[in-house]
Amino acid sequence: MAIKSVSIRIEEEMLNKIAYIADYEGRSVNSQVLVLIREHIKAFEENNGAIDAGIPPAANVKPTRR
């Protein structure tokens, strides 16, 4: 599995808070964000069914709400 890099813009207060939580849990900010993303994907798939991992990047657009 390839590892990709993503840059995000985040408010300083939010970054400080996620850094606090990450430190409390013994993780880096990057690892903490990955935990949150994994949890969100798992919850989404439990409610909506598995996401097809073969979706091409060009299809990476916000879907309409159901």
PDB file of N, CA and C in Angstrom:
ATOM      1  N   MET A   1       0.841  -1.168   0.000  1.00  0.00           N
ATOM      2  CA  MET A   1       0.000   0.000   0.000  1.00  0.00           C
ATOM      3  C   MET A   1       0.897   1.245   0.000  1.00  0.00           C
ATOM      4  N   ALA A   2       0.628   2.135  -0.920  1.00  0.00           N
ATOM      5  CA  ALA A   2       1.407   3.368  -1.027  1.00  0.00           C
ATOM      6  C   ALA A   2       1.021   4.345   0.081  1.00  0.00           C
ATOM      7  N   ILE A   3       1.989   5.066   0.557  1.00  0.00           N
ATOM      8  CA  ILE A   3       1.753   6.103   1.562  1.00  0.00           C
ATOM      9  C   ILE A   3       1.743   7.440   0.845  1.00  0.00           C
ATOM     10  N   LYS A   4       0.692   8.199   1.011  1.00  0.00           N
ATOM     11  CA  LYS A   4       0.547   9.509   0.381  1.00  0.00           C
ATOM     12  C   LYS A   4       0.621  10.586   1.440  1.00  0.00           C
ATOM     13  N   SER A   5       0.977  11.768   1.033  1.00  0.00           N
ATOM     14  CA  SER A   5       1.067  12.909   1.931  1.00  0.00           C
ATOM     15  C   SER A   5      -0.051  13.892   1.605  1.00  0.00           C
ATOM     16  N   VAL A   6      -0.688  14.425   2.649  1.00  0.00           N
ATOM     17  CA  VAL A   6      -1.768  15.401   2.482  1.00  0.00           C
ATOM     18  C   VAL A   6      -1.458  16.594   3.370  1.00  0.00           C
ATOM     19  N   SER A   7      -1.612  17.767   2.812  1.00  0.00           N
ATOM     20  CA  SER A   7      -1.411  18.996   3.575  1.00  0.00           C
ATOM     21  C   SER A   7      -2.786  19.583   3.881  1.00  0.00           C
ATOM     22  N   ILE A   8      -3.004  20.009   5.124  1.00  0.00           N
ATOM     23  CA  ILE A   8      -4.286  20.620   5.477  1.00  0.00           C
ATOM     24  C   ILE A   8      -4.054  21.977   6.132  1.00  0.00           C
ATOM     25  N   ARG A   9      -5.055  22.829   6.025  1.00  0.00           N
ATOM     26  CA  ARG A   9      -5.047  24.091   6.747  1.00  0.00           C
ATOM     27  C   ARG A   9      -5.892  23.877   7.993  1.00  0.00           C
ATOM     28  N   ILE A  10      -5.375  24.286   9.133  1.00  0.00           N
ATOM     29  CA  ILE A  10      -6.060  24.041  10.401  1.00  0.00           C
ATOM     30  C   ILE A  10      -5.840  25.235  11.323  1.00  0.00           C
ATOM     31  N   GLU A  11      -6.876  25.612  12.022  1.00  0.00           N
ATOM     32  CA  GLU A  11      -6.761  26.717  12.975  1.00  0.00           C
ATOM     33  C   GLU A  11      -5.773  26.333  14.074  1.00  0.00           C
ATOM     34  N   GLU A  12      -5.003  27.311  14.528  1.00  0.00           N
ATOM     35  CA  GLU A  12      -3.975  27.051  15.529  1.00  0.00           C
ATOM     36  C   GLU A  12      -4.568  26.443  16.805  1.00  0.00           C
ATOM     37  N   GLU A  13      -5.712  26.940  17.236  1.00  0.00           N
ATOM     38  CA  GLU A  13      -6.330  26.406  18.455  1.00  0.00           C
ATOM     39  C   GLU A  13      -6.679  24.929  18.287  1.00  0.00           C
ATOM     40  N   MET A  14      -7.224  24.572  17.127  1.00  0.00           N
ATOM     41  CA  MET A  14      -7.579  23.181  16.883  1.00  0.00           C
ATOM     42  C   MET A  14      -6.328  22.309  16.834  1.00  0.00           C
ATOM     43  N   LEU A  15      -5.265  22.807  16.201  1.00  0.00           N
ATOM     44  CA  LEU A  15      -4.008  22.065  16.142  1.00  0.00           C
ATOM     45  C   LEU A  15      -3.443  21.855  17.542  1.00  0.00           C
ATOM     46  N   ASN A  16      -3.489  22.887  18.366  1.00  0.00           N
ATOM     47  CA  ASN A  16      -2.995  22.761  19.738  1.00  0.00           C
ATOM     48  C   ASN A  16      -3.798  21.724  20.518  1.00  0.00           C
ATOM     49  N   LYS A  17      -5.100  21.699  20.305  1.00  0.00           N
ATOM     50  CA  LYS A  17      -5.943  20.736  21.021  1.00  0.00           C
ATOM     51  C   LYS A  17      -5.684  19.305  20.560  1.00  0.00           C
ATOM     52  N   ILE A  18      -5.546  19.107  19.233  1.00  0.00           N
ATOM     53  CA  ILE A  18      -5.281  17.748  18.755  1.00  0.00           C
ATOM     54  C   ILE A  18      -3.891  17.302  19.186  1.00  0.00           C
ATOM     55  N   ALA A  19      -2.943  18.247  19.266  1.00  0.00           N
ATOM     56  CA  ALA A  19      -1.597  17.918  19.750  1.00  0.00           C
ATOM     57  C   ALA A  19      -1.650  17.508  21.218  1.00  0.00           C
ATOM     58  N   TYR A  20      -2.484  18.177  22.012  1.00  0.00           N
ATOM     59  CA  TYR A  20      -2.639  17.829  23.427  1.00  0.00           C
ATOM     60  C   TYR A  20      -3.183  16.407  23.563  1.00  0.00           C
ATOM     61  N   ILE A  21      -4.225  16.110  22.786  1.00  0.00           N
ATOM     62  CA  ILE A  21      -4.839  14.778  22.836  1.00  0.00           C
ATOM     63  C   ILE A  21      -3.836  13.718  22.386  1.00  0.00           C
ATOM     64  N   ALA A  22      -3.120  14.011  21.297  1.00  0.00           N
ATOM     65  CA  ALA A  22      -2.125  13.064  20.788  1.00  0.00           C
ATOM     66  C   ALA A  22      -1.061  12.776  21.838  1.00  0.00           C
ATOM     67  N   ASP A  23      -0.566  13.817  22.480  1.00  0.00           N
ATOM     68  CA  ASP A  23       0.447  13.644  23.519  1.00  0.00           C
ATOM     69  C   ASP A  23      -0.107  12.821  24.683  1.00  0.00           C
ATOM     70  N   TYR A  24      -1.328  13.094  25.069  1.00  0.00           N
ATOM     71  CA  TYR A  24      -1.988  12.362  26.159  1.00  0.00           C
ATOM     72  C   TYR A  24      -2.081  10.878  25.825  1.00  0.00           C
ATOM     73  N   GLU A  25      -2.347  10.570  24.553  1.00  0.00           N
ATOM     74  CA  GLU A  25      -2.506   9.180  24.114  1.00  0.00           C
ATOM     75  C   GLU A  25      -1.182   8.552  23.683  1.00  0.00           C
ATOM     76  N   GLY A  26      -0.080   9.308  23.778  1.00  0.00           N
ATOM     77  CA  GLY A  26       1.223   8.773  23.418  1.00  0.00           C
ATOM     78  C   GLY A  26       1.440   8.641  21.925  1.00  0.00           C
ATOM     79  N   ARG A  27       0.831   9.543  21.158  1.00  0.00           N
ATOM     80  CA  ARG A  27       0.952   9.507  19.708  1.00  0.00           C
ATOM     81  C   ARG A  27       1.473  10.835  19.190  1.00  0.00           C
ATOM     82  N   SER A  28       1.926  10.816  17.947  1.00  0.00           N
ATOM     83  CA  SER A  28       2.231  12.062  17.250  1.00  0.00           C
ATOM     84  C   SER A  28       0.908  12.633  16.737  1.00  0.00           C
ATOM     85  N   VAL A  29       0.933  13.891  16.341  1.00  0.00           N
ATOM     86  CA  VAL A  29      -0.277  14.495  15.762  1.00  0.00           C
ATOM     87  C   VAL A  29      -0.677  13.725  14.509  1.00  0.00           C
ATOM     88  N   ASN A  30       0.296  13.379  13.670  1.00  0.00           N
ATOM     89  CA  ASN A  30      -0.002  12.632  12.457  1.00  0.00           C
ATOM     90  C   ASN A  30      -0.693  11.310  12.777  1.00  0.00           C
ATOM     91  N   SER A  31      -0.156  10.567  13.739  1.00  0.00           N
ATOM     92  CA  SER A  31      -0.770   9.285  14.120  1.00  0.00           C
ATOM     93  C   SER A  31      -2.166   9.480  14.684  1.00  0.00           C
ATOM     94  N   GLN A  32      -2.363  10.533  15.462  1.00  0.00           N
ATOM     95  CA  GLN A  32      -3.684  10.807  16.034  1.00  0.00           C
ATOM     96  C   GLN A  32      -4.696  11.099  14.933  1.00  0.00           C
ATOM     97  N   VAL A  33      -4.287  11.882  13.946  1.00  0.00           N
ATOM     98  CA  VAL A  33      -5.183  12.195  12.824  1.00  0.00           C
ATOM     99  C   VAL A  33      -5.528  10.925  12.066  1.00  0.00           C
ATOM    100  N   LEU A  34      -4.556  10.040  11.860  1.00  0.00           N
ATOM    101  CA  LEU A  34      -4.834   8.775  11.182  1.00  0.00           C
ATOM    102  C   LEU A  34      -5.822   7.915  11.973  1.00  0.00           C
ATOM    103  N   VAL A  35      -5.705   7.899  13.293  1.00  0.00           N
ATOM    104  CA  VAL A  35      -6.660   7.168  14.133  1.00  0.00           C
ATOM    105  C   VAL A  35      -8.069   7.732  13.917  1.00  0.00           C
ATOM    106  N   LEU A  36      -8.193   9.038  13.928  1.00  0.00           N
ATOM    107  CA  LEU A  36      -9.501   9.669  13.738  1.00  0.00           C
ATOM    108  C   LEU A  36     -10.076   9.362  12.360  1.00  0.00           C
ATOM    109  N   ILE A  37      -9.231   9.400  11.339  1.00  0.00           N
ATOM    110  CA  ILE A  37      -9.692   9.085   9.987  1.00  0.00           C
ATOM    111  C   ILE A  37     -10.153   7.634   9.905  1.00  0.00           C
ATOM    112  N   ARG A  38      -9.364   6.715  10.456  1.00  0.00           N
ATOM    113  CA  ARG A  38      -9.764   5.289  10.440  1.00  0.00           C
ATOM    114  C   ARG A  38     -11.099   5.072  11.156  1.00  0.00           C
ATOM    115  N   GLU A  39     -11.266   5.710  12.312  1.00  0.00           N
ATOM    116  CA  GLU A  39     -12.520   5.580  13.061  1.00  0.00           C
ATOM    117  C   GLU A  39     -13.698   6.121  12.262  1.00  0.00           C
ATOM    118  N   HIS A  40     -13.488   7.234  11.575  1.00  0.00           N
ATOM    119  CA  HIS A  40     -14.571   7.827  10.789  1.00  0.00           C
ATOM    120  C   HIS A  40     -14.932   6.935   9.594  1.00  0.00           C
ATOM    121  N   ILE A  41     -13.925   6.411   8.906  1.00  0.00           N
ATOM    122  CA  ILE A  41     -14.186   5.512   7.783  1.00  0.00           C
ATOM    123  C   ILE A  41     -14.936   4.272   8.258  1.00  0.00           C
ATOM    124  N   LYS A  42     -14.505   3.695   9.380  1.00  0.00           N
ATOM    125  CA  LYS A  42     -15.172   2.504   9.923  1.00  0.00           C
ATOM    126  C   LYS A  42     -16.636   2.797  10.232  1.00  0.00           C
ATOM    127  N   ALA A  43     -16.903   3.917  10.890  1.00  0.00           N
ATOM    128  CA  ALA A  43     -18.286   4.283  11.228  1.00  0.00           C
ATOM    129  C   ALA A  43     -19.111   4.524   9.964  1.00  0.00           C
ATOM    130  N   PHE A  44     -18.522   5.196   8.984  1.00  0.00           N
ATOM    131  CA  PHE A  44     -19.227   5.456   7.724  1.00  0.00           C
ATOM    132  C   PHE A  44     -19.605   4.151   7.041  1.00  0.00           C
ATOM    133  N   GLU A  45     -18.630   3.225   6.954  1.00  0.00           N
ATOM    134  CA  GLU A  45     -18.892   1.957   6.279  1.00  0.00           C
ATOM    135  C   GLU A  45     -19.894   1.099   7.054  1.00  0.00           C
ATOM    136  N   GLU A  46     -19.900   1.180   8.368  1.00  0.00           N
ATOM    137  CA  GLU A  46     -20.895   0.435   9.152  1.00  0.00           C
ATOM    138  C   GLU A  46     -22.294   0.940   8.846  1.00  0.00           C
ATOM    139  N   ASN A  47     -22.432   2.236   8.603  1.00  0.00           N
ATOM    140  CA  ASN A  47     -23.749   2.825   8.328  1.00  0.00           C
ATOM    141  C   ASN A  47     -24.142   2.788   6.857  1.00  0.00           C
ATOM    142  N   ASN A  48     -23.154   2.778   5.950  1.00  0.00           N
ATOM    143  CA  ASN A  48     -23.448   2.940   4.532  1.00  0.00           C
ATOM    144  C   ASN A  48     -22.935   1.831   3.638  1.00  0.00           C
ATOM    145  N   GLY A  49     -22.257   0.858   4.189  1.00  0.00           N
ATOM    146  CA  GLY A  49     -21.676  -0.209   3.389  1.00  0.00           C
ATOM    147  C   GLY A  49     -20.236   0.110   3.016  1.00  0.00           C
ATOM    148  N   ALA A  50     -19.532  -0.919   2.615  1.00  0.00           N
ATOM    149  CA  ALA A  50     -18.107  -0.794   2.299  1.00  0.00           C
ATOM    150  C   ALA A  50     -17.883   0.170   1.139  1.00  0.00           C
ATOM    151  N   ILE A  51     -16.810   0.924   1.240  1.00  0.00           N
ATOM    152  CA  ILE A  51     -16.403   1.820   0.167  1.00  0.00           C
ATOM    153  C   ILE A  51     -15.508   1.023  -0.765  1.00  0.00           C
ATOM    154  N   ASP A  52     -15.772   1.091  -2.053  1.00  0.00           N
ATOM    155  CA  ASP A  52     -14.968   0.380  -3.052  1.00  0.00           C
ATOM    156  C   ASP A  52     -13.584   1.016  -3.100  1.00  0.00           C
ATOM    157  N   ALA A  53     -12.560   0.242  -2.711  1.00  0.00           N
ATOM    158  CA  ALA A  53     -11.190   0.766  -2.669  1.00  0.00           C
ATOM    159  C   ALA A  53     -10.645   1.056  -4.059  1.00  0.00           C
ATOM    160  N   GLY A  54     -11.316   0.603  -5.104  1.00  0.00           N
ATOM    161  CA  GLY A  54     -10.855   0.827  -6.468  1.00  0.00           C
ATOM    162  C   GLY A  54     -11.350   2.126  -7.075  1.00  0.00           C
ATOM    163  N   ILE A  55     -11.930   2.994  -6.269  1.00  0.00           N
ATOM    164  CA  ILE A  55     -12.432   4.259  -6.792  1.00  0.00           C
ATOM    165  C   ILE A  55     -11.253   5.091  -7.287  1.00  0.00           C
ATOM    166  N   PRO A  56     -11.295   5.528  -8.551  1.00  0.00           N
ATOM    167  CA  PRO A  56     -10.184   6.336  -9.055  1.00  0.00           C
ATOM    168  C   PRO A  56     -10.182   7.728  -8.414  1.00  0.00           C
ATOM    169  N   PRO A  57      -8.997   8.337  -8.282  1.00  0.00           N
ATOM    170  CA  PRO A  57      -8.914   9.665  -7.653  1.00  0.00           C
ATOM    171  C   PRO A  57      -9.807  10.706  -8.313  1.00  0.00           C
ATOM    172  N   ALA A  58     -10.021  10.606  -9.637  1.00  0.00           N
ATOM    173  CA  ALA A  58     -10.867  11.575 -10.336  1.00  0.00           C
ATOM    174  C   ALA A  58     -12.308  11.532  -9.820  1.00  0.00           C
ATOM    175  N   ALA A  59     -12.716  10.405  -9.231  1.00  0.00           N
ATOM    176  CA  ALA A  59     -14.061  10.267  -8.706  1.00  0.00           C
ATOM    177  C   ALA A  59     -14.147  10.754  -7.266  1.00  0.00           C
ATOM    178  N   ASN A  60     -13.038  11.290  -6.749  1.00  0.00           N
ATOM    179  CA  ASN A  60     -12.979  11.741  -5.363  1.00  0.00           C
ATOM    180  C   ASN A  60     -13.647  13.115  -5.228  1.00  0.00           C
ATOM    181  N   VAL A  61     -14.945  13.112  -5.383  1.00  0.00           N
ATOM    182  CA  VAL A  61     -15.740  14.334  -5.247  1.00  0.00           C
ATOM    183  C   VAL A  61     -16.780  14.114  -4.165  1.00  0.00           C
ATOM    184  N   LYS A  62     -17.251  15.185  -3.608  1.00  0.00           N
ATOM    185  CA  LYS A  62     -18.257  15.073  -2.541  1.00  0.00           C
ATOM    186  C   LYS A  62     -19.547  14.514  -3.118  1.00  0.00           C
ATOM    187  N   PRO A  63     -19.986  13.357  -2.615  1.00  0.00           N
ATOM    188  CA  PRO A  63     -21.230  12.774  -3.118  1.00  0.00           C
ATOM    189  C   PRO A  63     -22.435  13.536  -2.571  1.00  0.00           C
ATOM    190  N   THR A  64     -23.547  13.387  -3.253  1.00  0.00           N
ATOM    191  CA  THR A  64     -24.770  13.995  -2.750  1.00  0.00           C
ATOM    192  C   THR A  64     -25.213  13.265  -1.506  1.00  0.00           C
ATOM    193  N   ARG A  65     -25.833  13.983  -0.606  1.00  0.00           N
ATOM    194  CA  ARG A  65     -26.318  13.345   0.629  1.00  0.00           C
ATOM    195  C   ARG A  65     -27.527  12.495   0.319  1.00  0.00           C
ATOM    196  N   ARG A  66     -27.660  11.424   1.069  1.00  0.00           N
ATOM    197  CA  ARG A  66     -28.805  10.516   0.865  1.00  0.00           C
ATOM    198  C   ARG A  66     -29.959  10.934   1.716  1.00  0.00           C
TER     199      ARG A  66
END
